[in-house]
Amino acid sequence: MKIFDLSLYVVLDPDLCRSVGVVETARLAAEGGATMIQLRDKRADRTSLIETGKALKAALAGYGIALIVNDDVEAALEIGADGVHVGQEDMSAAAARLAIGERLILGLSVETAQLMRDVDPAIVDYVGVGPVFATGTKPDHKQPVGLEGLAHIVSVSPVPAVAIGGLKMEHAASVIAAGAAGLAVVSAVCGTPAPRSAARALIQEIEKARP
């Protein structure tokens, strides 16, 4: 049984984290209540990615939260990460599952209800739905789905869903009301001078929004 909590899923952006540092941002976010951390660095080579990932794994030890690696299955395995997240243009979910085995968590990005209907819950553990709003942290993102679109896509999901894309603290109640298990954020934590306080404020809003 895989145990993970999508409530506050912090996606690390090396550029936004530069002033505090990727590893320290993750550690402070975990202290503040982040429930999952994703290492996403499209520009890093595999050696650098693994080095950062191992440092993250060490820094997060004891917090009981999952470390997910974006897109790179080999790096995730070398790091000893808890899982991998793939997009629709990356390795297929089936191929990723074959590579990582049954034990690790597998997340998949989903932008439409049709793509959601194709999700196999025997392969995928959770989905990231969005972008909800336009975001500068991923310039090549698909058309934003908005809160109504989020609710519609989540309604046909066979697995837990986390919303992503331009989300801030003020969106917590609407995202939870739309049926998502939580918020995935980048700049709302990485782009702040105080990641611990930002994470704490976010998780408090998320918990307050739950029935």
C-alpha atoms as a PDB file:
ATOM      1  CA  MET A   1       0.000   0.000   0.000  1.00  0.00           C
ATOM      2  CA  LYS A   2       1.509   3.326  -1.096  1.00  0.00           C
ATOM      3  CA  ILE A   3       0.952   6.138   1.354  1.00  0.00           C
ATOM      4  CA  PHE A   4       1.169   9.711   0.085  1.00  0.00           C
ATOM      5  CA  ASP A   5      -0.588  12.986   0.751  1.00  0.00           C
ATOM      6  CA  LEU A   6      -1.298  15.414  -2.097  1.00  0.00           C
ATOM      7  CA  SER A   7      -2.537  18.248   0.150  1.00  0.00           C
ATOM      8  CA  LEU A   8       0.391  20.602  -0.446  1.00  0.00           C
ATOM      9  CA  TYR A   9       2.620  19.400  -3.261  1.00  0.00           C
ATOM     10  CA  VAL A  10       5.616  21.711  -3.709  1.00  0.00           C
ATOM     11  CA  VAL A  11       7.307  21.608  -7.121  1.00  0.00           C
ATOM     12  CA  LEU A  12      10.867  22.906  -6.915  1.00  0.00           C
ATOM     13  CA  ASP A  13      11.986  25.387  -9.550  1.00  0.00           C
ATOM     14  CA  PRO A  14      15.789  25.950  -9.465  1.00  0.00           C
ATOM     15  CA  ASP A  15      15.521  29.529 -10.739  1.00  0.00           C
ATOM     16  CA  LEU A  16      12.849  30.594  -8.269  1.00  0.00           C
ATOM     17  CA  CYS A  17      14.603  28.766  -5.436  1.00  0.00           C
ATOM     18  CA  ARG A  18      17.977  30.341  -6.169  1.00  0.00           C
ATOM     19  CA  SER A  19      18.038  32.841  -3.287  1.00  0.00           C
ATOM     20  CA  VAL A  20      17.236  30.220  -0.645  1.00  0.00           C
ATOM     21  CA  GLY A  21      18.522  27.151  -2.489  1.00  0.00           C
ATOM     22  CA  VAL A  22      16.604  24.133  -3.779  1.00  0.00           C
ATOM     23  CA  VAL A  23      17.436  21.826  -0.883  1.00  0.00           C
ATOM     24  CA  GLU A  24      16.863  24.428   1.831  1.00  0.00           C
ATOM     25  CA  THR A  25      13.594  25.503   0.197  1.00  0.00           C
ATOM     26  CA  ALA A  26      12.394  21.897   0.297  1.00  0.00           C
ATOM     27  CA  ARG A  27      13.442  21.447   3.922  1.00  0.00           C
ATOM     28  CA  LEU A  28      11.758  24.674   5.027  1.00  0.00           C
ATOM     29  CA  ALA A  29       8.613  23.810   3.056  1.00  0.00           C
ATOM     30  CA  ALA A  30       8.520  20.414   4.774  1.00  0.00           C
ATOM     31  CA  GLU A  31       8.855  22.132   8.147  1.00  0.00           C
ATOM     32  CA  GLY A  32       5.953  24.367   7.174  1.00  0.00           C
ATOM     33  CA  GLY A  33       3.700  21.450   6.331  1.00  0.00           C
ATOM     34  CA  ALA A  34       4.323  20.544   2.681  1.00  0.00           C
ATOM     35  CA  THR A  35       3.157  16.972   2.128  1.00  0.00           C
ATOM     36  CA  MET A  36       4.996  16.106  -1.111  1.00  0.00           C
ATOM     37  CA  ILE A  37       8.032  17.528  -2.897  1.00  0.00           C
ATOM     38  CA  GLN A  38       8.832  17.252  -6.607  1.00  0.00           C
ATOM     39  CA  LEU A  39      12.260  17.876  -8.103  1.00  0.00           C
ATOM     40  CA  ARG A  40      11.748  19.395 -11.542  1.00  0.00           C
ATOM     41  CA  ASP A  41      14.744  20.714 -13.453  1.00  0.00           C
ATOM     42  CA  LYS A  42      14.480  20.390 -17.212  1.00  0.00           C
ATOM     43  CA  ARG A  43      17.876  21.983 -17.803  1.00  0.00           C
ATOM     44  CA  ALA A  44      20.033  19.921 -15.462  1.00  0.00           C
ATOM     45  CA  ASP A  45      21.999  16.961 -16.768  1.00  0.00           C
ATOM     46  CA  ARG A  46      21.355  13.621 -15.091  1.00  0.00           C
ATOM     47  CA  THR A  47      24.483  13.761 -12.925  1.00  0.00           C
ATOM     48  CA  SER A  48      23.462  17.138 -11.467  1.00  0.00           C
ATOM     49  CA  LEU A  49      19.872  15.987 -11.048  1.00  0.00           C
ATOM     50  CA  ILE A  50      20.977  12.922  -9.107  1.00  0.00           C
ATOM     51  CA  GLU A  51      23.298  14.971  -6.926  1.00  0.00           C
ATOM     52  CA  THR A  52      20.485  17.402  -6.061  1.00  0.00           C
ATOM     53  CA  GLY A  53      18.032  14.560  -5.566  1.00  0.00           C
ATOM     54  CA  LYS A  54      20.272  12.749  -3.099  1.00  0.00           C
ATOM     55  CA  ALA A  55      20.766  15.964  -1.133  1.00  0.00           C
ATOM     56  CA  LEU A  56      16.990  16.440  -1.080  1.00  0.00           C
ATOM     57  CA  LYS A  57      16.438  12.861   0.067  1.00  0.00           C
ATOM     58  CA  ALA A  58      18.825  13.418   2.970  1.00  0.00           C
ATOM     59  CA  ALA A  59      17.298  16.786   3.894  1.00  0.00           C
ATOM     60  CA  LEU A  60      13.754  15.398   3.882  1.00  0.00           C
ATOM     61  CA  ALA A  61      14.551  12.276   5.898  1.00  0.00           C
ATOM     62  CA  GLY A  62      12.381  12.205   8.982  1.00  0.00           C
ATOM     63  CA  TYR A  63       9.614  14.402   7.611  1.00  0.00           C
ATOM     64  CA  GLY A  64       7.653  11.447   6.244  1.00  0.00           C
ATOM     65  CA  ILE A  65       6.881  13.094   2.917  1.00  0.00           C
ATOM     66  CA  ALA A  66       7.355  11.693  -0.570  1.00  0.00           C
ATOM     67  CA  LEU A  67      10.085  12.938  -2.905  1.00  0.00           C
ATOM     68  CA  ILE A  68       9.031  12.724  -6.557  1.00  0.00           C
ATOM     69  CA  VAL A  69      11.306  13.230  -9.568  1.00  0.00           C
ATOM     70  CA  ASN A  70       9.874  14.793 -12.697  1.00  0.00           C
ATOM     71  CA  ASP A  71      10.266  12.837 -15.921  1.00  0.00           C
ATOM     72  CA  ASP A  72      13.626  11.093 -15.317  1.00  0.00           C
ATOM     73  CA  VAL A  73      13.060   7.480 -14.256  1.00  0.00           C
ATOM     74  CA  GLU A  74      16.744   6.559 -14.159  1.00  0.00           C
ATOM     75  CA  ALA A  75      17.585   9.529 -11.964  1.00  0.00           C
ATOM     76  CA  ALA A  76      14.682   8.724  -9.638  1.00  0.00           C
ATOM     77  CA  LEU A  77      15.913   5.165  -9.171  1.00  0.00           C
ATOM     78  CA  GLU A  78      19.484   6.304  -8.578  1.00  0.00           C
ATOM     79  CA  ILE A  79      18.330   8.908  -6.045  1.00  0.00           C
ATOM     80  CA  GLY A  80      16.151   6.426  -4.204  1.00  0.00           C
ATOM     81  CA  ALA A  81      13.174   8.742  -4.694  1.00  0.00           C
ATOM     82  CA  ASP A  82       9.658   7.743  -3.685  1.00  0.00           C
ATOM     83  CA  GLY A  83       8.256   8.160  -7.164  1.00  0.00           C
ATOM     84  CA  VAL A  84       8.213   9.688 -10.627  1.00  0.00           C
ATOM     85  CA  HIS A  85       5.897  12.142 -12.352  1.00  0.00           C
ATOM     86  CA  VAL A  86       5.512  12.051 -16.131  1.00  0.00           C
ATOM     87  CA  GLY A  87       3.745  14.333 -18.582  1.00  0.00           C
ATOM     88  CA  GLN A  88       1.753  13.410 -21.672  1.00  0.00           C
ATOM     89  CA  GLU A  89       4.778  14.151 -23.893  1.00  0.00           C
ATOM     90  CA  ASP A  90       7.231  12.245 -21.687  1.00  0.00           C
ATOM     91  CA  MET A  91       7.659   8.491 -21.321  1.00  0.00           C
ATOM     92  CA  SER A  92       4.271   6.737 -21.302  1.00  0.00           C
ATOM     93  CA  ALA A  93       2.781   5.892 -17.923  1.00  0.00           C
ATOM     94  CA  ALA A  94       2.903   2.186 -18.779  1.00  0.00           C
ATOM     95  CA  ALA A  95       6.607   2.370 -19.673  1.00  0.00           C
ATOM     96  CA  ALA A  96       7.351   4.386 -16.539  1.00  0.00           C
ATOM     97  CA  ARG A  97       5.554   1.841 -14.366  1.00  0.00           C
ATOM     98  CA  LEU A  98       7.484  -0.980 -15.994  1.00  0.00           C
ATOM     99  CA  ALA A  99      10.749   0.844 -15.286  1.00  0.00           C
ATOM    100  CA  ILE A 100      10.068   1.758 -11.651  1.00  0.00           C
ATOM    101  CA  GLY A 101       8.209  -1.361 -10.555  1.00  0.00           C
ATOM    102  CA  GLU A 102       5.114  -1.563  -8.400  1.00  0.00           C
ATOM    103  CA  ARG A 103       6.541  -0.062  -5.193  1.00  0.00           C
ATOM    104  CA  LEU A 104       7.168   3.524  -6.325  1.00  0.00           C
ATOM    105  CA  ILE A 105       4.529   6.230  -6.735  1.00  0.00           C
ATOM    106  CA  LEU A 106       3.654   7.217 -10.306  1.00  0.00           C
ATOM    107  CA  GLY A 107       2.011  10.537 -11.147  1.00  0.00           C
ATOM    108  CA  LEU A 108       0.732  11.659 -14.545  1.00  0.00           C
ATOM    109  CA  SER A 109      -0.143  15.115 -15.904  1.00  0.00           C
ATOM    110  CA  VAL A 110      -3.661  15.323 -17.338  1.00  0.00           C
ATOM    111  CA  GLU A 111      -5.063  18.330 -19.171  1.00  0.00           C
ATOM    112  CA  THR A 112      -8.465  17.129 -20.430  1.00  0.00           C
ATOM    113  CA  ALA A 113     -11.377  14.927 -19.399  1.00  0.00           C
ATOM    114  CA  GLN A 114     -10.668  12.640 -22.360  1.00  0.00           C
ATOM    115  CA  LEU A 115      -7.094  12.060 -21.230  1.00  0.00           C
ATOM    116  CA  MET A 116      -8.425  11.421 -17.727  1.00  0.00           C
ATOM    117  CA  ARG A 117     -10.741   8.718 -19.023  1.00  0.00           C
ATOM    118  CA  ASP A 118      -7.674   6.954 -20.429  1.00  0.00           C
ATOM    119  CA  VAL A 119      -5.925   6.836 -17.034  1.00  0.00           C
ATOM    120  CA  ASP A 120      -5.432   3.288 -15.781  1.00  0.00           C
ATOM    121  CA  PRO A 121      -5.590   3.173 -11.959  1.00  0.00           C
ATOM    122  CA  ALA A 122      -3.640  -0.086 -12.053  1.00  0.00           C
ATOM    123  CA  ILE A 123      -0.687   1.917 -13.442  1.00  0.00           C
ATOM    124  CA  VAL A 124      -1.091   5.510 -12.223  1.00  0.00           C
ATOM    125  CA  ASP A 125      -1.325   6.444  -8.522  1.00  0.00           C
ATOM    126  CA  TYR A 126      -2.295  10.103  -8.845  1.00  0.00           C
ATOM    127  CA  VAL A 127      -2.840  12.745 -11.517  1.00  0.00           C
ATOM    128  CA  GLY A 128      -1.801  16.388 -11.743  1.00  0.00           C
ATOM    129  CA  VAL A 129      -4.640  18.346 -13.357  1.00  0.00           C
ATOM    130  CA  GLY A 130      -4.090  21.656 -15.089  1.00  0.00           C
ATOM    131  CA  PRO A 131      -2.878  24.153 -15.671  1.00  0.00           C
ATOM    132  CA  VAL A 132      -5.776  25.720 -13.790  1.00  0.00           C
ATOM    133  CA  PHE A 133      -4.430  29.193 -14.546  1.00  0.00           C
ATOM    134  CA  ALA A 134      -1.645  30.482 -16.783  1.00  0.00           C
ATOM    135  CA  THR A 135       1.758  30.281 -15.150  1.00  0.00           C
ATOM    136  CA  GLY A 136       5.187  31.651 -15.977  1.00  0.00           C
ATOM    137  CA  THR A 137       6.970  28.701 -14.374  1.00  0.00           C
ATOM    138  CA  LYS A 138       6.050  26.515 -17.347  1.00  0.00           C
ATOM    139  CA  PRO A 139       5.866  28.723 -20.463  1.00  0.00           C
ATOM    140  CA  ASP A 140       4.923  25.843 -22.796  1.00  0.00           C
ATOM    141  CA  HIS A 141       1.892  24.806 -20.769  1.00  0.00           C
ATOM    142  CA  LYS A 142      -1.421  23.829 -22.340  1.00  0.00           C
ATOM    143  CA  GLN A 143      -4.520  26.022 -22.353  1.00  0.00           C
ATOM    144  CA  PRO A 144      -5.610  26.784 -18.770  1.00  0.00           C
ATOM    145  CA  VAL A 145      -8.717  24.834 -17.738  1.00  0.00           C
ATOM    146  CA  GLY A 146      -9.987  27.223 -15.040  1.00  0.00           C
ATOM    147  CA  LEU A 147     -11.781  26.140 -11.887  1.00  0.00           C
ATOM    148  CA  GLU A 148     -14.837  24.818 -13.738  1.00  0.00           C
ATOM    149  CA  GLY A 149     -12.635  22.777 -16.036  1.00  0.00           C
ATOM    150  CA  LEU A 150     -10.724  21.477 -13.033  1.00  0.00           C
ATOM    151  CA  ALA A 151     -13.950  20.304 -11.386  1.00  0.00           C
ATOM    152  CA  HIS A 152     -15.084  18.578 -14.580  1.00  0.00           C
ATOM    153  CA  ILE A 153     -11.776  16.784 -15.160  1.00  0.00           C
ATOM    154  CA  VAL A 154     -11.440  15.749 -11.510  1.00  0.00           C
ATOM    155  CA  SER A 155     -14.996  14.383 -11.552  1.00  0.00           C
ATOM    156  CA  VAL A 156     -13.963  11.636 -13.991  1.00  0.00           C
ATOM    157  CA  SER A 157     -10.650  10.803 -12.324  1.00  0.00           C
ATOM    158  CA  PRO A 158     -10.189   7.199 -11.159  1.00  0.00           C
ATOM    159  CA  VAL A 159      -7.306   8.229  -8.861  1.00  0.00           C
ATOM    160  CA  PRO A 160      -6.588  11.136  -6.473  1.00  0.00           C
ATOM    161  CA  ALA A 161      -5.976  14.425  -8.283  1.00  0.00           C
ATOM    162  CA  VAL A 162      -3.826  17.423  -7.410  1.00  0.00           C
ATOM    163  CA  ALA A 163      -4.453  20.774  -9.114  1.00  0.00           C
ATOM    164  CA  ILE A 164      -1.544  22.694 -10.623  1.00  0.00           C
ATOM    165  CA  GLY A 165      -0.945  25.911 -12.522  1.00  0.00           C
ATOM    166  CA  GLY A 166      -0.800  29.455 -11.179  1.00  0.00           C
ATOM    167  CA  LEU A 167      -2.263  28.518  -7.802  1.00  0.00           C
ATOM    168  CA  LYS A 168      -1.948  30.766  -4.754  1.00  0.00           C
ATOM    169  CA  MET A 169      -3.280  30.671  -1.216  1.00  0.00           C
ATOM    170  CA  GLU A 170      -6.507  32.419  -2.220  1.00  0.00           C
ATOM    171  CA  HIS A 171      -7.371  29.531  -4.552  1.00  0.00           C
ATOM    172  CA  ALA A 172      -7.255  26.826  -1.867  1.00  0.00           C
ATOM    173  CA  ALA A 173     -10.967  26.795  -1.030  1.00  0.00           C
ATOM    174  CA  SER A 174     -12.055  26.743  -4.687  1.00  0.00           C
ATOM    175  CA  VAL A 175      -9.613  23.978  -5.601  1.00  0.00           C
ATOM    176  CA  ILE A 176     -10.719  21.762  -2.715  1.00  0.00           C
ATOM    177  CA  ALA A 177     -14.383  22.497  -3.536  1.00  0.00           C
ATOM    178  CA  ALA A 178     -13.663  21.362  -7.115  1.00  0.00           C
ATOM    179  CA  GLY A 179     -12.792  17.918  -5.759  1.00  0.00           C
ATOM    180  CA  ALA A 180      -8.993  18.016  -5.895  1.00  0.00           C
ATOM    181  CA  ALA A 181      -7.062  16.343  -3.089  1.00  0.00           C
ATOM    182  CA  GLY A 182      -4.716  19.303  -2.878  1.00  0.00           C
ATOM    183  CA  LEU A 183      -2.708  22.041  -4.557  1.00  0.00           C
ATOM    184  CA  ALA A 184       0.581  21.709  -6.401  1.00  0.00           C
ATOM    185  CA  VAL A 185       2.439  25.006  -6.200  1.00  0.00           C
ATOM    186  CA  VAL A 186       5.721  26.395  -7.499  1.00  0.00           C
ATOM    187  CA  SER A 187       6.114  30.164  -7.050  1.00  0.00           C
ATOM    188  CA  ALA A 188       3.732  30.284  -4.064  1.00  0.00           C
ATOM    189  CA  VAL A 189       6.517  28.604  -2.057  1.00  0.00           C
ATOM    190  CA  CYS A 190       9.706  28.656  -4.171  1.00  0.00           C
ATOM    191  CA  GLY A 191       9.276  32.277  -5.143  1.00  0.00           C
ATOM    192  CA  THR A 192       9.065  33.537  -1.567  1.00  0.00           C
ATOM    193  CA  PRO A 193      11.819  34.596   0.833  1.00  0.00           C
ATOM    194  CA  ALA A 194      10.240  32.468   3.599  1.00  0.00           C
ATOM    195  CA  PRO A 195       9.235  29.031   2.265  1.00  0.00           C
ATOM    196  CA  ARG A 196       8.378  27.707   5.738  1.00  0.00           C
ATOM    197  CA  SER A 197       5.856  30.477   6.415  1.00  0.00           C
ATOM    198  CA  ALA A 198       4.436  30.255   2.884  1.00  0.00           C
ATOM    199  CA  ALA A 199       3.909  26.497   3.190  1.00  0.00           C
ATOM    200  CA  ARG A 200       2.369  26.860   6.646  1.00  0.00           C
ATOM    201  CA  ALA A 201      -0.116  29.485   5.449  1.00  0.00           C
ATOM    202  CA  LEU A 202      -1.053  27.375   2.435  1.00  0.00           C
ATOM    203  CA  ILE A 203      -1.609  24.151   4.381  1.00  0.00           C
ATOM    204  CA  GLN A 204      -3.742  26.023   6.906  1.00  0.00           C
ATOM    205  CA  GLU A 205      -5.978  27.340   4.101  1.00  0.00           C
ATOM    206  CA  ILE A 206      -6.191  23.895   2.524  1.00  0.00           C
ATOM    207  CA  GLU A 207      -7.177  22.258   5.807  1.00  0.00           C
ATOM    208  CA  LYS A 208      -9.694  25.018   6.514  1.00  0.00           C
ATOM    209  CA  ALA A 209     -11.280  24.430   3.094  1.00  0.00           C
ATOM    210  CA  ARG A 210     -11.987  20.759   3.787  1.00  0.00           C
ATOM    211  CA  PRO A 211     -15.463  19.797   5.034  1.00  0.00           C
END
